[in-house]
């Protein structure tokens, strides 16, 4: 269920946002939701790490690299220091 948020902005900014949203065929609420979602996504380290692991997994899976190989490689790399 959605909830409301009250945000105070200058009238000029509100008018510009309304015009740009309308030009894109969106409501002002849709634009604000998109901006807030992008803001949270860019700062959510947990989601970033999950995405990183997913991307790594997609690259390793076709090469048949599993947990055992990963542990071996980590030990090998750490031993080089």
N, C-alpha and C. Protein backbone atom coordinates (compact mmCIF):
# COMPACT_ATOMS: atom_id res chain seq x y z
N UNK A 1 0.84 -1.17 0.00
CA UNK A 1 0.00 0.00 0.00
C UNK A 1 0.89 1.24 0.00
N UNK A 2 0.53 2.22 -0.81
CA UNK A 2 1.29 3.46 -0.89
C UNK A 2 0.94 4.37 0.28
N UNK A 3 1.85 5.28 0.55
CA UNK A 3 1.62 6.28 1.58
C UNK A 3 2.03 7.64 1.04
N UNK A 4 1.57 8.68 1.68
CA UNK A 4 1.87 10.03 1.21
C UNK A 4 3.07 10.60 1.93
N UNK A 5 3.75 11.52 1.23
CA UNK A 5 4.87 12.25 1.81
C UNK A 5 4.68 13.71 1.42
N UNK A 6 4.81 14.58 2.37
CA UNK A 6 4.68 16.01 2.09
C UNK A 6 6.09 16.58 1.99
N UNK A 7 6.35 17.24 0.87
CA UNK A 7 7.66 17.85 0.63
C UNK A 7 7.42 19.30 0.24
N UNK A 8 8.14 20.19 0.87
CA UNK A 8 8.00 21.61 0.55
C UNK A 8 9.11 22.02 -0.43
N UNK A 9 8.67 22.59 -1.55
CA UNK A 9 9.63 23.08 -2.55
C UNK A 9 9.16 24.45 -3.04
N UNK A 10 10.06 25.15 -3.66
CA UNK A 10 9.74 26.48 -4.18
C UNK A 10 8.73 26.34 -5.34
N UNK A 11 7.82 27.29 -5.46
CA UNK A 11 6.81 27.23 -6.52
C UNK A 11 7.41 27.11 -7.93
N UNK A 12 8.51 27.81 -8.18
CA UNK A 12 9.14 27.76 -9.50
C UNK A 12 9.61 26.34 -9.82
N UNK A 13 10.23 25.69 -8.85
CA UNK A 13 10.69 24.31 -9.05
C UNK A 13 9.49 23.38 -9.28
N UNK A 14 8.45 23.56 -8.51
CA UNK A 14 7.25 22.73 -8.67
C UNK A 14 6.67 22.87 -10.07
N UNK A 15 6.59 24.11 -10.56
CA UNK A 15 6.05 24.35 -11.89
C UNK A 15 6.92 23.70 -12.97
N UNK A 16 8.22 23.79 -12.81
CA UNK A 16 9.13 23.17 -13.79
C UNK A 16 8.98 21.65 -13.79
N UNK A 17 8.93 21.06 -12.60
CA UNK A 17 8.76 19.60 -12.50
C UNK A 17 7.44 19.20 -13.14
N UNK A 18 6.39 19.93 -12.87
CA UNK A 18 5.09 19.63 -13.47
C UNK A 18 5.15 19.68 -14.99
N UNK A 19 5.80 20.70 -15.53
CA UNK A 19 5.91 20.84 -16.99
C UNK A 19 6.71 19.69 -17.60
N UNK A 20 7.86 19.38 -16.99
CA UNK A 20 8.71 18.30 -17.52
C UNK A 20 8.00 16.95 -17.43
N UNK A 21 7.32 16.72 -16.32
CA UNK A 21 6.59 15.46 -16.15
C UNK A 21 5.50 15.34 -17.21
N UNK A 22 4.78 16.40 -17.41
CA UNK A 22 3.70 16.39 -18.40
C UNK A 22 4.25 16.14 -19.80
N UNK A 23 5.40 16.75 -20.11
CA UNK A 23 6.02 16.56 -21.42
C UNK A 23 6.44 15.11 -21.64
N UNK A 24 6.74 14.41 -20.55
CA UNK A 24 7.14 13.00 -20.63
C UNK A 24 5.94 12.07 -20.49
N UNK A 25 4.76 12.63 -20.33
CA UNK A 25 3.56 11.81 -20.17
C UNK A 25 3.47 11.14 -18.81
N UNK A 26 4.06 11.78 -17.81
CA UNK A 26 4.06 11.23 -16.46
C UNK A 26 3.39 12.21 -15.51
N UNK A 27 3.01 11.69 -14.37
CA UNK A 27 2.52 12.58 -13.32
C UNK A 27 3.72 13.05 -12.51
N UNK A 28 3.51 14.12 -11.76
CA UNK A 28 4.57 14.60 -10.89
C UNK A 28 4.92 13.54 -9.85
N UNK A 29 3.93 12.84 -9.37
CA UNK A 29 4.17 11.77 -8.39
C UNK A 29 5.05 10.68 -8.97
N UNK A 30 4.80 10.32 -10.24
CA UNK A 30 5.65 9.29 -10.87
C UNK A 30 7.10 9.74 -10.96
N UNK A 31 7.31 10.99 -11.32
CA UNK A 31 8.67 11.53 -11.42
C UNK A 31 9.35 11.52 -10.06
N UNK A 32 8.65 11.96 -9.04
CA UNK A 32 9.23 12.00 -7.69
C UNK A 32 9.53 10.59 -7.20
N UNK A 33 8.62 9.64 -7.45
CA UNK A 33 8.87 8.24 -7.05
C UNK A 33 10.12 7.69 -7.74
N UNK A 34 10.26 7.96 -9.05
CA UNK A 34 11.44 7.49 -9.78
C UNK A 34 12.72 8.09 -9.19
N UNK A 35 12.67 9.37 -8.90
CA UNK A 35 13.85 10.03 -8.32
C UNK A 35 14.22 9.45 -6.96
N UNK A 36 13.21 9.20 -6.13
CA UNK A 36 13.47 8.63 -4.81
C UNK A 36 13.99 7.20 -4.92
N UNK A 37 13.42 6.43 -5.84
CA UNK A 37 13.90 5.06 -6.04
C UNK A 37 15.35 5.05 -6.50
N UNK A 38 15.70 5.93 -7.43
CA UNK A 38 17.09 6.04 -7.90
C UNK A 38 18.02 6.46 -6.76
N UNK A 39 17.56 7.39 -5.95
CA UNK A 39 18.35 7.88 -4.81
C UNK A 39 18.66 6.73 -3.85
N UNK A 40 17.63 5.98 -3.49
CA UNK A 40 17.82 4.87 -2.54
C UNK A 40 18.69 3.79 -3.17
N UNK A 41 18.41 3.46 -4.42
CA UNK A 41 19.18 2.41 -5.11
C UNK A 41 20.66 2.75 -5.16
N UNK A 42 20.98 4.01 -5.39
CA UNK A 42 22.39 4.41 -5.51
C UNK A 42 23.11 4.41 -4.17
N UNK A 43 22.37 4.35 -3.08
CA UNK A 43 22.99 4.38 -1.75
C UNK A 43 22.82 3.09 -0.96
N UNK A 44 22.10 2.13 -1.54
CA UNK A 44 21.81 0.88 -0.84
C UNK A 44 22.95 -0.11 -1.09
N UNK A 45 23.92 -0.15 -0.20
CA UNK A 45 25.11 -0.97 -0.37
C UNK A 45 24.75 -2.45 -0.43
N UNK A 46 23.75 -2.87 0.33
CA UNK A 46 23.34 -4.28 0.32
C UNK A 46 22.86 -4.70 -1.05
N UNK A 47 22.04 -3.89 -1.67
CA UNK A 47 21.53 -4.19 -3.00
C UNK A 47 22.68 -4.17 -4.02
N UNK A 48 23.61 -3.25 -3.84
CA UNK A 48 24.77 -3.16 -4.73
C UNK A 48 25.60 -4.44 -4.64
N UNK A 49 25.85 -4.90 -3.42
CA UNK A 49 26.65 -6.12 -3.24
C UNK A 49 25.91 -7.33 -3.80
N UNK A 50 24.60 -7.42 -3.57
CA UNK A 50 23.81 -8.52 -4.13
C UNK A 50 23.91 -8.53 -5.65
N UNK A 51 23.79 -7.36 -6.25
CA UNK A 51 23.88 -7.25 -7.71
C UNK A 51 25.27 -7.65 -8.18
N UNK A 52 26.30 -7.23 -7.44
CA UNK A 52 27.67 -7.58 -7.79
C UNK A 52 27.87 -9.09 -7.77
N UNK A 53 27.38 -9.75 -6.71
CA UNK A 53 27.51 -11.21 -6.61
C UNK A 53 26.77 -11.89 -7.75
N UNK A 54 25.60 -11.38 -8.10
CA UNK A 54 24.83 -11.95 -9.22
C UNK A 54 25.60 -11.84 -10.53
N UNK A 55 26.20 -10.67 -10.76
CA UNK A 55 26.97 -10.48 -11.99
C UNK A 55 28.20 -11.38 -12.02
N UNK A 56 28.88 -11.51 -10.89
CA UNK A 56 30.05 -12.39 -10.81
C UNK A 56 29.62 -13.83 -11.06
N UNK A 57 28.52 -14.24 -10.42
CA UNK A 57 28.03 -15.60 -10.60
C UNK A 57 27.70 -15.91 -12.05
N UNK A 58 27.11 -14.97 -12.75
CA UNK A 58 26.76 -15.18 -14.15
C UNK A 58 27.99 -15.35 -15.03
N UNK A 59 29.09 -14.70 -14.64
CA UNK A 59 30.33 -14.84 -15.41
C UNK A 59 31.05 -16.14 -15.07
N UNK A 60 30.96 -16.58 -13.82
CA UNK A 60 31.68 -17.78 -13.41
C UNK A 60 30.95 -19.07 -13.77
N UNK A 61 29.65 -19.05 -13.78
CA UNK A 61 28.86 -20.26 -14.01
C UNK A 61 29.20 -20.93 -15.35
N UNK A 62 29.24 -20.17 -16.46
CA UNK A 62 29.58 -20.82 -17.74
C UNK A 62 30.99 -21.41 -17.75
N UNK A 63 31.87 -20.88 -16.92
CA UNK A 63 33.24 -21.38 -16.85
C UNK A 63 33.37 -22.54 -15.87
N UNK A 64 32.23 -22.91 -15.27
CA UNK A 64 32.16 -24.01 -14.31
C UNK A 64 33.09 -23.78 -13.10
N UNK A 65 33.13 -22.53 -12.66
CA UNK A 65 33.90 -22.18 -11.47
C UNK A 65 32.96 -22.26 -10.27
N UNK A 66 33.27 -23.12 -9.33
CA UNK A 66 32.43 -23.31 -8.16
C UNK A 66 33.09 -22.83 -6.89
N UNK A 67 32.45 -23.07 -5.76
CA UNK A 67 32.97 -22.61 -4.47
C UNK A 67 34.38 -23.12 -4.16
N UNK A 68 34.66 -24.37 -4.51
CA UNK A 68 35.99 -24.92 -4.22
C UNK A 68 37.08 -24.17 -4.98
N UNK A 69 36.81 -23.89 -6.25
CA UNK A 69 37.80 -23.16 -7.05
C UNK A 69 37.97 -21.73 -6.54
N UNK A 70 36.88 -21.13 -6.11
CA UNK A 70 36.95 -19.76 -5.59
C UNK A 70 37.81 -19.72 -4.34
N UNK A 71 37.61 -20.66 -3.43
CA UNK A 71 38.42 -20.70 -2.20
C UNK A 71 39.89 -20.89 -2.53
N UNK A 72 40.18 -21.77 -3.48
CA UNK A 72 41.57 -22.03 -3.89
C UNK A 72 42.20 -20.77 -4.47
N UNK A 73 41.46 -20.08 -5.32
CA UNK A 73 41.97 -18.87 -5.96
C UNK A 73 42.20 -17.77 -4.92
N UNK A 74 41.29 -17.62 -3.97
CA UNK A 74 41.46 -16.61 -2.92
C UNK A 74 42.73 -16.89 -2.13
N UNK A 75 42.93 -18.15 -1.73
CA UNK A 75 44.15 -18.50 -0.98
C UNK A 75 45.40 -18.26 -1.80
N UNK A 76 45.32 -18.57 -3.08
CA UNK A 76 46.46 -18.36 -3.98
C UNK A 76 46.81 -16.88 -4.10
N UNK A 77 45.81 -16.06 -4.30
CA UNK A 77 46.03 -14.62 -4.44
C UNK A 77 46.55 -14.02 -3.13
N UNK A 78 45.96 -14.41 -2.02
CA UNK A 78 46.40 -13.89 -0.72
C UNK A 78 47.82 -14.33 -0.41
N UNK A 79 48.24 -15.46 -0.90
CA UNK A 79 49.60 -15.96 -0.66
C UNK A 79 50.65 -15.20 -1.42
N UNK A 80 50.26 -14.43 -2.43
CA UNK A 80 51.20 -13.67 -3.25
C UNK A 80 51.66 -12.40 -2.58
N UNK A 81 50.98 -11.98 -1.54
CA UNK A 81 51.30 -10.68 -0.90
C UNK A 81 52.56 -10.75 -0.10
